[in-house]
């Protein structure tokens, strides 16, 4: 059985860093801040990191991207944002990367990409809106949804490459395509389930009504 681990990082924008683990091997989802905290967590739990999965490329999800020397996976539509500091927020916050992406192994993925974690498949769903290449990762009954969907809310659409119409489509697609028991793990805040969000999320309910009218 795989294990879901969450590490709360209290950087400039508090966020959730996740570890999808099985048999001691793991993928890190969105190493946002506090590189040494992330490394200490991996060491404490005796994990072997085999890759980094990015839901999107905003600063609060990538500032500690060099925490491990492993392949970094990002959707092909998000690749430009990862490398452009005016798009990813480094410029907005007046910060500089502490790493050189040109010297790191960055791999473009698509919705057809499937990752293997000791016999468990991790699939990719493209959910643009918060950014143009944002994705969700699914392994069995768990989905890592980045800043697309939150408990009772959704991601912002006022940042570079964001698009409200795309976000509406993505939120409806995400909730309508998954059964109620699927657990969503967002980039910020608490986890929820698809069933709860289908029932109470005001953005989904309003946008779903709009799409049917």
N, C-alpha and C. Protein backbone atom coordinates (compact mmCIF):
# COMPACT_ATOMS: atom_id res chain seq x y z
N UNK A 1 0.84 -1.20 0.00
CA UNK A 1 0.00 0.00 0.00
C UNK A 1 0.88 1.25 0.00
N UNK A 2 0.49 2.24 -0.78
CA UNK A 2 1.23 3.49 -0.76
C UNK A 2 0.78 4.32 0.44
N UNK A 3 1.54 5.34 0.74
CA UNK A 3 1.22 6.21 1.87
C UNK A 3 1.27 7.66 1.45
N UNK A 4 0.30 8.42 1.94
CA UNK A 4 0.25 9.86 1.70
C UNK A 4 0.86 10.57 2.91
N UNK A 5 1.85 11.39 2.68
CA UNK A 5 2.46 12.17 3.75
C UNK A 5 2.35 13.65 3.40
N UNK A 6 2.01 14.47 4.39
CA UNK A 6 1.91 15.91 4.17
C UNK A 6 2.84 16.65 5.12
N UNK A 7 3.60 17.59 4.57
CA UNK A 7 4.47 18.45 5.37
C UNK A 7 4.01 19.88 5.18
N UNK A 8 3.56 20.51 6.25
CA UNK A 8 3.12 21.90 6.18
C UNK A 8 4.34 22.82 6.24
N UNK A 9 4.43 23.73 5.29
CA UNK A 9 5.55 24.67 5.22
C UNK A 9 5.01 26.08 5.44
N UNK A 10 5.57 26.78 6.42
CA UNK A 10 5.05 28.10 6.77
C UNK A 10 5.94 29.21 6.19
N UNK A 11 6.09 29.19 4.87
CA UNK A 11 6.86 30.24 4.20
C UNK A 11 6.04 31.50 4.02
N UNK A 12 6.45 32.35 3.08
CA UNK A 12 5.73 33.60 2.83
C UNK A 12 4.24 33.35 2.57
N UNK A 13 3.96 32.26 1.86
CA UNK A 13 2.58 31.82 1.63
C UNK A 13 2.51 30.38 2.15
N UNK A 14 1.97 30.14 3.34
CA UNK A 14 1.93 28.79 3.89
C UNK A 14 1.34 27.79 2.89
N UNK A 15 1.99 26.65 2.75
CA UNK A 15 1.54 25.68 1.75
C UNK A 15 1.83 24.26 2.21
N UNK A 16 1.26 23.32 1.45
CA UNK A 16 1.41 21.90 1.74
C UNK A 16 2.36 21.26 0.73
N UNK A 17 3.37 20.59 1.24
CA UNK A 17 4.26 19.78 0.42
C UNK A 17 3.91 18.32 0.71
N UNK A 18 3.74 17.52 -0.34
CA UNK A 18 3.30 16.14 -0.16
C UNK A 18 4.38 15.15 -0.59
N UNK A 19 4.31 13.96 0.00
CA UNK A 19 5.19 12.86 -0.36
C UNK A 19 4.30 11.66 -0.65
N UNK A 20 4.35 11.14 -1.87
CA UNK A 20 3.61 9.93 -2.22
C UNK A 20 4.61 8.78 -2.11
N UNK A 21 4.40 7.90 -1.14
CA UNK A 21 5.43 6.91 -0.81
C UNK A 21 4.92 5.47 -0.89
N UNK A 22 5.78 4.60 -1.35
CA UNK A 22 5.54 3.15 -1.26
C UNK A 22 6.89 2.46 -1.16
N UNK A 23 6.99 1.59 -0.20
CA UNK A 23 8.20 0.78 0.01
C UNK A 23 9.45 1.64 0.11
N UNK A 24 9.30 2.80 0.75
CA UNK A 24 10.45 3.66 0.99
C UNK A 24 10.80 4.61 -0.12
N UNK A 25 10.23 4.42 -1.31
CA UNK A 25 10.47 5.32 -2.44
C UNK A 25 9.33 6.33 -2.52
N UNK A 26 9.64 7.54 -2.95
CA UNK A 26 8.57 8.54 -2.98
C UNK A 26 8.79 9.59 -4.06
N UNK A 27 7.67 10.16 -4.48
CA UNK A 27 7.67 11.40 -5.26
C UNK A 27 7.33 12.53 -4.32
N UNK A 28 8.01 13.67 -4.49
CA UNK A 28 7.68 14.88 -3.75
C UNK A 28 6.78 15.74 -4.62
N UNK A 29 5.65 16.19 -4.08
CA UNK A 29 4.73 17.06 -4.81
C UNK A 29 4.88 18.48 -4.28
N UNK A 30 5.34 19.38 -5.13
CA UNK A 30 5.42 20.81 -4.84
C UNK A 30 6.29 21.16 -3.62
N UNK A 31 7.61 21.08 -3.75
CA UNK A 31 8.51 21.51 -2.67
C UNK A 31 8.61 23.03 -2.64
N UNK A 32 7.73 23.65 -1.87
CA UNK A 32 7.57 25.10 -1.95
C UNK A 32 8.66 25.90 -1.29
N UNK A 33 8.91 25.67 -0.01
CA UNK A 33 9.85 26.46 0.76
C UNK A 33 10.67 25.54 1.66
N UNK A 34 11.61 26.14 2.39
CA UNK A 34 12.27 25.48 3.51
C UNK A 34 12.92 24.16 3.11
N UNK A 35 13.91 24.30 2.26
CA UNK A 35 14.64 23.16 1.71
C UNK A 35 15.15 22.22 2.80
N UNK A 36 15.74 22.78 3.83
CA UNK A 36 16.32 21.93 4.87
C UNK A 36 15.24 21.20 5.67
N UNK A 37 14.08 21.82 5.84
CA UNK A 37 12.97 21.14 6.51
C UNK A 37 12.51 19.94 5.70
N UNK A 38 12.43 20.11 4.40
CA UNK A 38 12.03 19.01 3.52
C UNK A 38 13.06 17.89 3.56
N UNK A 39 14.32 18.24 3.48
CA UNK A 39 15.37 17.23 3.54
C UNK A 39 15.37 16.49 4.87
N UNK A 40 15.17 17.22 5.96
CA UNK A 40 15.15 16.59 7.28
C UNK A 40 13.98 15.62 7.40
N UNK A 41 12.83 15.98 6.82
CA UNK A 41 11.67 15.10 6.85
C UNK A 41 11.96 13.80 6.11
N UNK A 42 12.57 13.91 4.94
CA UNK A 42 12.91 12.73 4.14
C UNK A 42 13.90 11.84 4.90
N UNK A 43 14.88 12.46 5.51
CA UNK A 43 15.87 11.69 6.27
C UNK A 43 15.23 11.01 7.48
N UNK A 44 14.38 11.75 8.18
CA UNK A 44 13.73 11.19 9.37
C UNK A 44 12.91 9.96 9.04
N UNK A 45 12.22 10.01 7.90
CA UNK A 45 11.34 8.90 7.53
C UNK A 45 12.02 7.89 6.59
N UNK A 46 13.31 8.08 6.39
CA UNK A 46 14.12 7.14 5.59
C UNK A 46 13.51 6.90 4.21
N UNK A 47 13.23 8.00 3.53
CA UNK A 47 12.63 7.94 2.20
C UNK A 47 13.69 8.11 1.11
N UNK A 48 13.44 7.49 -0.02
CA UNK A 48 14.27 7.68 -1.20
C UNK A 48 13.46 8.46 -2.24
N UNK A 49 13.83 9.69 -2.49
CA UNK A 49 13.09 10.52 -3.43
C UNK A 49 13.49 10.15 -4.86
N UNK A 50 12.50 9.84 -5.69
CA UNK A 50 12.78 9.43 -7.08
C UNK A 50 12.33 10.47 -8.10
N UNK A 51 11.64 11.51 -7.66
CA UNK A 51 11.22 12.55 -8.59
C UNK A 51 10.41 13.62 -7.88
N UNK A 52 10.30 14.77 -8.53
CA UNK A 52 9.50 15.88 -8.03
C UNK A 52 8.38 16.15 -9.02
N UNK A 53 7.14 16.16 -8.54
CA UNK A 53 5.98 16.43 -9.37
C UNK A 53 5.46 17.82 -9.06
N UNK A 54 5.35 18.66 -10.08
CA UNK A 54 4.83 20.01 -9.90
C UNK A 54 3.38 20.09 -10.39
N UNK A 55 2.50 20.57 -9.52
CA UNK A 55 1.13 20.83 -9.97
C UNK A 55 1.09 22.09 -10.82
N UNK A 56 1.94 23.05 -10.49
CA UNK A 56 2.13 24.25 -11.29
C UNK A 56 3.41 24.93 -10.81
N UNK A 57 3.77 26.04 -11.45
CA UNK A 57 5.12 26.58 -11.25
C UNK A 57 5.15 27.93 -10.56
N UNK A 58 4.23 28.19 -9.66
CA UNK A 58 4.30 29.42 -8.88
C UNK A 58 5.36 29.30 -7.79
N UNK A 59 5.90 30.44 -7.38
CA UNK A 59 7.02 30.50 -6.45
C UNK A 59 6.78 29.70 -5.17
N UNK A 60 5.55 29.76 -4.64
CA UNK A 60 5.28 29.07 -3.38
C UNK A 60 5.22 27.56 -3.52
N UNK A 61 5.38 27.06 -4.74
CA UNK A 61 5.41 25.62 -4.99
C UNK A 61 6.77 25.15 -5.50
N UNK A 62 7.68 26.08 -5.78
CA UNK A 62 8.94 25.69 -6.42
C UNK A 62 10.20 26.29 -5.80
N UNK A 63 10.07 27.07 -4.74
CA UNK A 63 11.27 27.78 -4.26
C UNK A 63 12.34 26.82 -3.74
N UNK A 64 11.94 25.64 -3.25
CA UNK A 64 12.92 24.65 -2.78
C UNK A 64 13.10 23.53 -3.79
N UNK A 65 13.01 23.87 -5.05
CA UNK A 65 13.02 22.86 -6.11
C UNK A 65 14.32 22.07 -6.18
N UNK A 66 15.38 22.64 -5.64
CA UNK A 66 16.68 21.96 -5.68
C UNK A 66 16.94 21.17 -4.40
N UNK A 67 15.90 20.80 -3.68
CA UNK A 67 16.09 20.07 -2.43
C UNK A 67 16.66 18.68 -2.66
N UNK A 68 16.42 18.12 -3.85
CA UNK A 68 16.98 16.81 -4.19
C UNK A 68 17.41 16.82 -5.65
N UNK A 69 18.45 16.08 -5.95
CA UNK A 69 18.96 15.97 -7.32
C UNK A 69 18.24 14.83 -8.03
N UNK A 70 17.01 15.11 -8.42
CA UNK A 70 16.15 14.11 -9.08
C UNK A 70 15.42 14.79 -10.23
N UNK A 71 14.84 14.03 -11.15
CA UNK A 71 14.07 14.64 -12.23
C UNK A 71 12.89 15.45 -11.71
N UNK A 72 12.61 16.55 -12.38
CA UNK A 72 11.50 17.43 -12.04
C UNK A 72 10.49 17.35 -13.19
N UNK A 73 9.24 17.07 -12.86
CA UNK A 73 8.22 16.89 -13.88
C UNK A 73 7.22 18.04 -13.84
N UNK A 74 6.98 18.64 -15.01
CA UNK A 74 6.06 19.77 -15.12
C UNK A 74 5.33 19.64 -16.45
N UNK A 75 4.07 20.05 -16.49
CA UNK A 75 3.32 19.95 -17.75
C UNK A 75 3.97 20.83 -18.82
N UNK A 76 3.90 20.37 -20.05
CA UNK A 76 4.55 21.10 -21.14
C UNK A 76 4.02 22.53 -21.28
N UNK A 77 2.77 22.78 -20.91
CA UNK A 77 2.22 24.13 -20.99
C UNK A 77 2.69 25.02 -19.84
N UNK A 78 3.21 24.40 -18.80
CA UNK A 78 3.68 25.13 -17.61
C UNK A 78 5.19 25.38 -17.66
N UNK A 79 5.85 24.74 -18.60
CA UNK A 79 7.32 24.80 -18.69
C UNK A 79 7.82 26.24 -18.78
N UNK A 80 7.18 27.05 -19.61
CA UNK A 80 7.57 28.45 -19.77
C UNK A 80 7.47 29.21 -18.45
N UNK A 81 6.42 28.94 -17.69
CA UNK A 81 6.22 29.64 -16.41
C UNK A 81 7.32 29.29 -15.43
N UNK A 82 7.72 28.03 -15.41
CA UNK A 82 8.79 27.60 -14.51
C UNK A 82 10.07 28.38 -14.74
N UNK A 83 10.37 28.70 -15.98
CA UNK A 83 11.63 29.35 -16.33
C UNK A 83 11.54 30.88 -16.35
N UNK A 84 10.33 31.43 -16.33
CA UNK A 84 10.14 32.87 -16.46
C UNK A 84 9.78 33.47 -15.10
N UNK A 85 10.70 34.22 -14.50
CA UNK A 85 10.48 34.73 -13.14
C UNK A 85 9.43 35.82 -13.06
N UNK A 86 9.05 36.40 -14.18
CA UNK A 86 7.95 37.36 -14.17
C UNK A 86 6.59 36.65 -14.16
N UNK A 87 6.59 35.41 -14.61
CA UNK A 87 5.35 34.63 -14.62
C UNK A 87 5.18 33.79 -13.36
N UNK A 88 6.29 33.31 -12.80
CA UNK A 88 6.17 32.39 -11.67
C UNK A 88 6.13 33.07 -10.31
N UNK A 89 6.37 34.39 -10.27
CA UNK A 89 6.23 35.11 -9.01
C UNK A 89 7.53 35.52 -8.34
N UNK A 90 8.66 35.02 -8.80
CA UNK A 90 9.92 35.43 -8.20
C UNK A 90 10.12 36.94 -8.36
N UNK A 91 9.80 37.46 -9.53
CA UNK A 91 9.92 38.89 -9.77
C UNK A 91 8.94 39.69 -8.92
N UNK A 92 7.72 39.19 -8.82
CA UNK A 92 6.67 39.87 -8.05
C UNK A 92 7.08 40.03 -6.59
N UNK A 93 7.72 38.99 -6.03
CA UNK A 93 8.13 39.03 -4.63
C UNK A 93 9.56 39.56 -4.46
N UNK A 94 10.19 39.96 -5.56
CA UNK A 94 11.54 40.51 -5.49
C UNK A 94 12.58 39.51 -5.03
N UNK A 95 12.41 38.25 -5.44
CA UNK A 95 13.34 37.20 -5.04
C UNK A 95 14.10 36.66 -6.24
N UNK A 96 15.20 35.99 -5.96
CA UNK A 96 15.97 35.31 -6.99
C UNK A 96 16.04 33.83 -6.66
N UNK A 97 16.00 33.00 -7.69
CA UNK A 97 16.16 31.56 -7.47
C UNK A 97 17.54 31.27 -6.90
N UNK A 98 17.62 30.28 -6.04
CA UNK A 98 18.91 29.86 -5.49
C UNK A 98 19.48 28.69 -6.28
N UNK A 99 18.87 28.39 -7.42
CA UNK A 99 19.31 27.27 -8.25
C UNK A 99 19.28 27.67 -9.71
N UNK A 100 19.97 26.90 -10.53
CA UNK A 100 20.04 27.14 -11.97
C UNK A 100 19.27 26.03 -12.68
N UNK A 101 18.09 26.37 -13.17
CA UNK A 101 17.24 25.36 -13.80
C UNK A 101 17.89 24.73 -15.03
N UNK A 102 18.77 25.48 -15.69
CA UNK A 102 19.41 24.94 -16.90
C UNK A 102 20.33 23.76 -16.58
N UNK A 103 20.69 23.63 -15.31
CA UNK A 103 21.57 22.53 -14.90
C UNK A 103 20.79 21.40 -14.22
N UNK A 104 19.47 21.52 -14.24
CA UNK A 104 18.62 20.52 -13.59
C UNK A 104 17.83 19.75 -14.64
N UNK A 105 17.44 18.54 -14.29
CA UNK A 105 16.70 17.69 -15.23
C UNK A 105 15.21 17.99 -15.11
N UNK A 106 14.72 18.80 -16.04
CA UNK A 106 13.31 19.17 -16.06
C UNK A 106 12.64 18.46 -17.23
N UNK A 107 11.62 17.68 -16.94
CA UNK A 107 10.97 16.84 -17.95
C UNK A 107 9.54 17.31 -18.16
N UNK A 108 9.18 17.55 -19.41
CA UNK A 108 7.82 17.95 -19.75
C UNK A 108 6.91 16.72 -19.76
N UNK A 109 5.70 16.89 -19.21
CA UNK A 109 4.72 15.82 -19.20
C UNK A 109 3.44 16.28 -19.88
N UNK A 110 2.56 15.33 -20.16
CA UNK A 110 1.25 15.61 -20.74
C UNK A 110 0.21 14.79 -19.97
N UNK A 111 -1.03 14.87 -20.38
CA UNK A 111 -2.08 14.05 -19.75
C UNK A 111 -1.89 12.57 -20.03
N UNK A 112 -1.06 12.23 -20.99
CA UNK A 112 -0.80 10.81 -21.29
C UNK A 112 0.31 10.23 -20.44
N UNK A 113 0.98 11.07 -19.67
CA UNK A 113 2.09 10.59 -18.84
C UNK A 113 1.55 9.78 -17.66
N UNK A 114 2.19 8.65 -17.40
CA UNK A 114 1.84 7.81 -16.25
C UNK A 114 3.14 7.50 -15.49
N UNK A 115 3.11 7.72 -14.20
CA UNK A 115 4.26 7.42 -13.35
C UNK A 115 4.01 6.11 -12.60
N UNK A 116 5.07 5.36 -12.40
CA UNK A 116 4.97 4.11 -11.65
C UNK A 116 5.65 4.27 -10.30
N UNK A 117 4.94 3.92 -9.23
CA UNK A 117 5.51 3.94 -7.89
C UNK A 117 5.33 2.56 -7.30
N UNK A 118 6.35 1.72 -7.52
CA UNK A 118 6.33 0.35 -6.99
C UNK A 118 5.03 -0.36 -7.32
N UNK A 119 4.61 -0.27 -8.58
CA UNK A 119 3.41 -0.96 -9.04
C UNK A 119 2.13 -0.16 -8.96
N UNK A 120 2.16 1.02 -8.36
CA UNK A 120 1.00 1.91 -8.32
C UNK A 120 1.16 2.98 -9.39
N UNK A 121 0.08 3.27 -10.11
CA UNK A 121 0.14 4.27 -11.17
C UNK A 121 -0.30 5.64 -10.66
N UNK A 122 0.46 6.64 -11.09
CA UNK A 122 0.09 8.04 -10.85
C UNK A 122 -0.24 8.65 -12.20
N UNK A 123 -1.48 9.11 -12.36
CA UNK A 123 -1.90 9.68 -13.63
C UNK A 123 -2.01 11.20 -13.53
N UNK A 124 -2.13 11.84 -14.69
CA UNK A 124 -2.10 13.30 -14.78
C UNK A 124 -3.40 13.82 -15.38
N UNK A 125 -4.00 14.83 -14.77
CA UNK A 125 -5.16 15.52 -15.33
C UNK A 125 -4.81 16.99 -15.51
N UNK A 126 -4.92 17.49 -16.72
CA UNK A 126 -4.66 18.90 -17.00
C UNK A 126 -5.84 19.73 -16.52
N UNK A 127 -5.55 20.72 -15.65
CA UNK A 127 -6.62 21.58 -15.10
C UNK A 127 -6.17 23.04 -15.16
N UNK A 128 -6.14 23.63 -16.34
CA UNK A 128 -5.73 25.04 -16.46
C UNK A 128 -6.74 25.98 -15.83
N UNK A 129 -6.29 27.18 -15.57
CA UNK A 129 -7.17 28.21 -15.01
C UNK A 129 -6.43 29.06 -14.02
N UNK A 130 -5.87 28.42 -12.98
CA UNK A 130 -5.01 29.14 -12.04
C UNK A 130 -3.71 29.51 -12.75
N UNK A 131 -3.19 28.59 -13.53
CA UNK A 131 -2.13 28.83 -14.51
C UNK A 131 -2.51 28.05 -15.76
N UNK A 132 -1.80 28.30 -16.85
CA UNK A 132 -2.23 27.67 -18.10
C UNK A 132 -1.86 26.19 -18.19
N UNK A 133 -0.92 25.75 -17.36
CA UNK A 133 -0.51 24.35 -17.43
C UNK A 133 -0.61 23.63 -16.10
N UNK A 134 -1.53 24.06 -15.26
CA UNK A 134 -1.70 23.40 -13.97
C UNK A 134 -2.26 22.00 -14.14
N UNK A 135 -1.85 21.09 -13.26
CA UNK A 135 -2.32 19.71 -13.34
C UNK A 135 -2.69 19.18 -11.97
N UNK A 136 -3.41 18.07 -11.97
CA UNK A 136 -3.67 17.28 -10.77
C UNK A 136 -3.06 15.90 -10.98
N UNK A 137 -2.57 15.31 -9.91
CA UNK A 137 -2.02 13.96 -9.95
C UNK A 137 -2.92 13.04 -9.15
N UNK A 138 -3.23 11.87 -9.73
CA UNK A 138 -4.12 10.92 -9.06
C UNK A 138 -3.42 9.59 -8.85
N UNK A 139 -3.51 9.06 -7.63
CA UNK A 139 -3.08 7.70 -7.33
C UNK A 139 -4.19 7.05 -6.52
N UNK A 140 -4.82 6.07 -7.10
CA UNK A 140 -5.96 5.38 -6.48
C UNK A 140 -7.01 6.37 -5.98
N UNK A 141 -7.24 6.49 -4.67
CA UNK A 141 -8.33 7.36 -4.19
C UNK A 141 -7.84 8.72 -3.73
N UNK A 142 -6.61 9.09 -4.09
CA UNK A 142 -6.06 10.39 -3.70
C UNK A 142 -5.72 11.23 -4.92
N UNK A 143 -6.05 12.52 -4.85
CA UNK A 143 -5.70 13.47 -5.91
C UNK A 143 -5.00 14.67 -5.31
N UNK A 144 -3.89 15.04 -5.94
CA UNK A 144 -3.13 16.22 -5.52
C UNK A 144 -3.48 17.32 -6.50
N UNK A 145 -4.25 18.30 -6.03
CA UNK A 145 -4.93 19.23 -6.93
C UNK A 145 -4.29 20.61 -7.00
N UNK A 146 -3.15 20.80 -6.33
CA UNK A 146 -2.47 22.08 -6.42
C UNK A 146 -3.37 23.22 -5.99
N UNK A 147 -3.42 24.27 -6.81
CA UNK A 147 -4.26 25.43 -6.50
C UNK A 147 -5.48 25.51 -7.42
N UNK A 148 -5.89 24.38 -7.97
CA UNK A 148 -7.11 24.35 -8.77
C UNK A 148 -8.34 24.35 -7.88
N UNK A 149 -8.33 23.52 -6.86
CA UNK A 149 -9.52 23.32 -6.02
C UNK A 149 -9.09 23.28 -4.56
N UNK A 150 -9.84 23.97 -3.70
CA UNK A 150 -9.60 23.96 -2.27
C UNK A 150 -10.87 23.52 -1.54
N UNK A 151 -10.74 23.28 -0.25
CA UNK A 151 -11.91 22.99 0.56
C UNK A 151 -12.84 24.20 0.53
N UNK A 152 -13.97 24.07 -0.14
CA UNK A 152 -14.96 25.14 -0.22
C UNK A 152 -14.57 26.32 -1.08
N UNK A 153 -13.51 26.18 -1.88
CA UNK A 153 -13.07 27.31 -2.69
C UNK A 153 -12.32 26.80 -3.92
N UNK A 154 -11.73 27.75 -4.65
CA UNK A 154 -10.97 27.43 -5.86
C UNK A 154 -9.75 28.35 -5.92
N UNK A 155 -8.88 28.08 -6.88
CA UNK A 155 -7.68 28.89 -7.05
C UNK A 155 -7.97 30.28 -7.60
N UNK A 156 -7.02 31.18 -7.39
CA UNK A 156 -7.15 32.55 -7.92
C UNK A 156 -7.00 32.54 -9.44
N UNK A 157 -7.60 33.55 -10.07
CA UNK A 157 -7.49 33.66 -11.52
C UNK A 157 -7.01 35.05 -11.93
N UNK A 158 -6.27 35.73 -11.02
CA UNK A 158 -5.79 37.09 -11.31
C UNK A 158 -4.26 37.14 -11.44
N UNK A 159 -3.64 36.02 -11.72
CA UNK A 159 -2.19 35.96 -11.90
C UNK A 159 -1.86 35.74 -13.37
N UNK A 160 -0.60 36.01 -13.78
CA UNK A 160 -0.22 35.80 -15.17
C UNK A 160 -0.54 34.38 -15.65
N UNK A 161 -1.07 34.28 -16.83
CA UNK A 161 -1.51 33.07 -17.56
C UNK A 161 -2.79 32.47 -16.98
N UNK A 162 -3.35 33.05 -15.92
CA UNK A 162 -4.61 32.54 -15.38
C UNK A 162 -5.77 32.92 -16.30
N UNK A 163 -6.84 32.13 -16.22
CA UNK A 163 -8.00 32.37 -17.08
C UNK A 163 -9.25 31.85 -16.38
N UNK A 164 -10.19 32.72 -16.12
CA UNK A 164 -11.38 32.34 -15.37
C UNK A 164 -12.21 31.29 -16.10
N UNK A 165 -12.41 31.46 -17.40
CA UNK A 165 -13.20 30.48 -18.15
C UNK A 165 -12.56 29.09 -18.09
N UNK A 166 -11.22 29.06 -18.20
CA UNK A 166 -10.52 27.77 -18.10
C UNK A 166 -10.68 27.17 -16.71
N UNK A 167 -10.62 28.02 -15.68
CA UNK A 167 -10.74 27.52 -14.32
C UNK A 167 -12.13 26.94 -14.08
N UNK A 168 -13.15 27.62 -14.57
CA UNK A 168 -14.51 27.09 -14.44
C UNK A 168 -14.61 25.71 -15.07
N UNK A 169 -14.07 25.58 -16.28
CA UNK A 169 -14.12 24.30 -16.98
C UNK A 169 -13.36 23.23 -16.22
N UNK A 170 -12.19 23.60 -15.68
CA UNK A 170 -11.35 22.63 -14.97
C UNK A 170 -12.00 22.16 -13.68
N UNK A 171 -12.58 23.08 -12.93
CA UNK A 171 -13.22 22.71 -11.66
C UNK A 171 -14.40 21.78 -11.91
N UNK A 172 -15.21 22.10 -12.90
CA UNK A 172 -16.35 21.24 -13.24
C UNK A 172 -15.86 19.88 -13.72
N UNK A 173 -14.86 19.88 -14.58
CA UNK A 173 -14.29 18.63 -15.08
C UNK A 173 -13.75 17.77 -13.94
N UNK A 174 -13.01 18.39 -13.03
CA UNK A 174 -12.40 17.66 -11.93
C UNK A 174 -13.45 17.02 -11.04
N UNK A 175 -14.44 17.78 -10.63
CA UNK A 175 -15.45 17.26 -9.72
C UNK A 175 -16.38 16.27 -10.41
N UNK A 176 -16.79 16.57 -11.63
CA UNK A 176 -17.74 15.69 -12.32
C UNK A 176 -17.13 14.37 -12.78
N UNK A 177 -15.82 14.34 -12.96
CA UNK A 177 -15.18 13.12 -13.49
C UNK A 177 -14.77 12.14 -12.41
N UNK A 178 -14.88 12.54 -11.13
CA UNK A 178 -14.39 11.69 -10.05
C UNK A 178 -15.52 11.28 -9.11
N UNK A 179 -15.42 10.07 -8.54
CA UNK A 179 -16.44 9.64 -7.57
C UNK A 179 -16.30 10.37 -6.24
N UNK A 180 -17.35 10.32 -5.45
CA UNK A 180 -17.41 11.08 -4.21
C UNK A 180 -16.30 10.77 -3.22
N UNK A 181 -15.81 9.53 -3.20
CA UNK A 181 -14.87 9.13 -2.17
C UNK A 181 -13.44 9.61 -2.42
N UNK A 182 -13.17 10.16 -3.59
CA UNK A 182 -11.81 10.61 -3.91
C UNK A 182 -11.42 11.76 -2.97
N UNK A 183 -10.25 11.64 -2.36
CA UNK A 183 -9.74 12.66 -1.44
C UNK A 183 -8.90 13.66 -2.22
N UNK A 184 -9.18 14.94 -2.05
CA UNK A 184 -8.37 15.97 -2.72
C UNK A 184 -7.40 16.58 -1.71
N UNK A 185 -6.16 16.70 -2.14
CA UNK A 185 -5.10 17.28 -1.33
C UNK A 185 -4.63 18.57 -2.01
N UNK A 186 -5.04 19.73 -1.51
CA UNK A 186 -4.73 21.00 -2.17
C UNK A 186 -3.37 21.56 -1.75
N UNK A 187 -2.91 22.54 -2.49
CA UNK A 187 -1.64 23.19 -2.18
C UNK A 187 -1.68 24.01 -0.91
N UNK A 188 -2.88 24.42 -0.50
CA UNK A 188 -3.04 25.22 0.71
C UNK A 188 -4.30 24.77 1.43
N UNK A 189 -4.25 24.78 2.75
CA UNK A 189 -5.44 24.43 3.51
C UNK A 189 -5.62 22.94 3.71
N UNK A 190 -6.82 22.57 4.12
CA UNK A 190 -7.11 21.19 4.49
C UNK A 190 -7.56 20.35 3.30
N UNK A 191 -7.38 19.05 3.43
CA UNK A 191 -7.88 18.13 2.42
C UNK A 191 -9.40 18.04 2.52
N UNK A 192 -10.01 17.56 1.44
CA UNK A 192 -11.45 17.40 1.39
C UNK A 192 -11.75 16.18 0.52
N UNK A 193 -12.98 16.02 0.13
CA UNK A 193 -13.34 14.95 -0.80
C UNK A 193 -14.14 15.53 -1.96
N UNK A 194 -14.15 14.79 -3.04
CA UNK A 194 -14.95 15.22 -4.20
C UNK A 194 -16.42 15.32 -3.82
N UNK A 195 -16.90 14.36 -3.02
CA UNK A 195 -18.31 14.38 -2.63
C UNK A 195 -18.67 15.63 -1.84
N UNK A 196 -17.81 16.02 -0.92
CA UNK A 196 -18.06 17.23 -0.13
C UNK A 196 -18.06 18.45 -1.03
N UNK A 197 -17.07 18.54 -1.91
CA UNK A 197 -16.99 19.72 -2.79
C UNK A 197 -18.16 19.77 -3.77
N UNK A 198 -18.61 18.62 -4.22
CA UNK A 198 -19.78 18.58 -5.11
C UNK A 198 -21.00 19.14 -4.38
N UNK A 199 -21.07 18.88 -3.08
CA UNK A 199 -22.25 19.28 -2.31
C UNK A 199 -22.19 20.71 -1.81
N UNK A 200 -20.99 21.22 -1.48
CA UNK A 200 -20.96 22.50 -0.76
C UNK A 200 -20.12 23.60 -1.43
N UNK A 201 -19.28 23.24 -2.40
CA UNK A 201 -18.39 24.26 -2.96
C UNK A 201 -19.20 25.30 -3.75
N UNK A 202 -19.24 26.55 -3.30
CA UNK A 202 -20.11 27.54 -3.95
C UNK A 202 -19.68 27.88 -5.38
N UNK A 203 -18.38 27.83 -5.64
CA UNK A 203 -17.90 28.12 -6.99
C UNK A 203 -18.34 27.03 -7.95
N UNK A 204 -18.15 25.78 -7.56
CA UNK A 204 -18.59 24.67 -8.41
C UNK A 204 -20.08 24.75 -8.67
N UNK A 205 -20.88 24.99 -7.63
CA UNK A 205 -22.33 25.00 -7.79
C UNK A 205 -22.79 26.11 -8.72
N UNK A 206 -22.17 27.29 -8.55
CA UNK A 206 -22.55 28.42 -9.42
C UNK A 206 -22.11 28.18 -10.85
N UNK A 207 -20.87 27.70 -11.02
CA UNK A 207 -20.34 27.50 -12.38
C UNK A 207 -21.03 26.33 -13.08
N UNK A 208 -21.40 25.32 -12.33
CA UNK A 208 -22.12 24.19 -12.92
C UNK A 208 -23.49 24.65 -13.40
N UNK A 209 -24.15 25.48 -12.61
CA UNK A 209 -25.46 26.02 -13.00
C UNK A 209 -25.31 26.87 -14.26
N UNK A 210 -24.27 27.71 -14.29
CA UNK A 210 -24.03 28.53 -15.48
C UNK A 210 -23.86 27.65 -16.72
N UNK A 211 -23.11 26.57 -16.59
CA UNK A 211 -22.80 25.71 -17.74
C UNK A 211 -24.04 24.99 -18.26
N UNK A 212 -25.06 24.87 -17.42
CA UNK A 212 -26.28 24.16 -17.81
C UNK A 212 -27.37 25.09 -18.32
N UNK A 213 -27.15 26.41 -18.16
CA UNK A 213 -28.20 27.36 -18.53
C UNK A 213 -28.01 27.85 -19.96
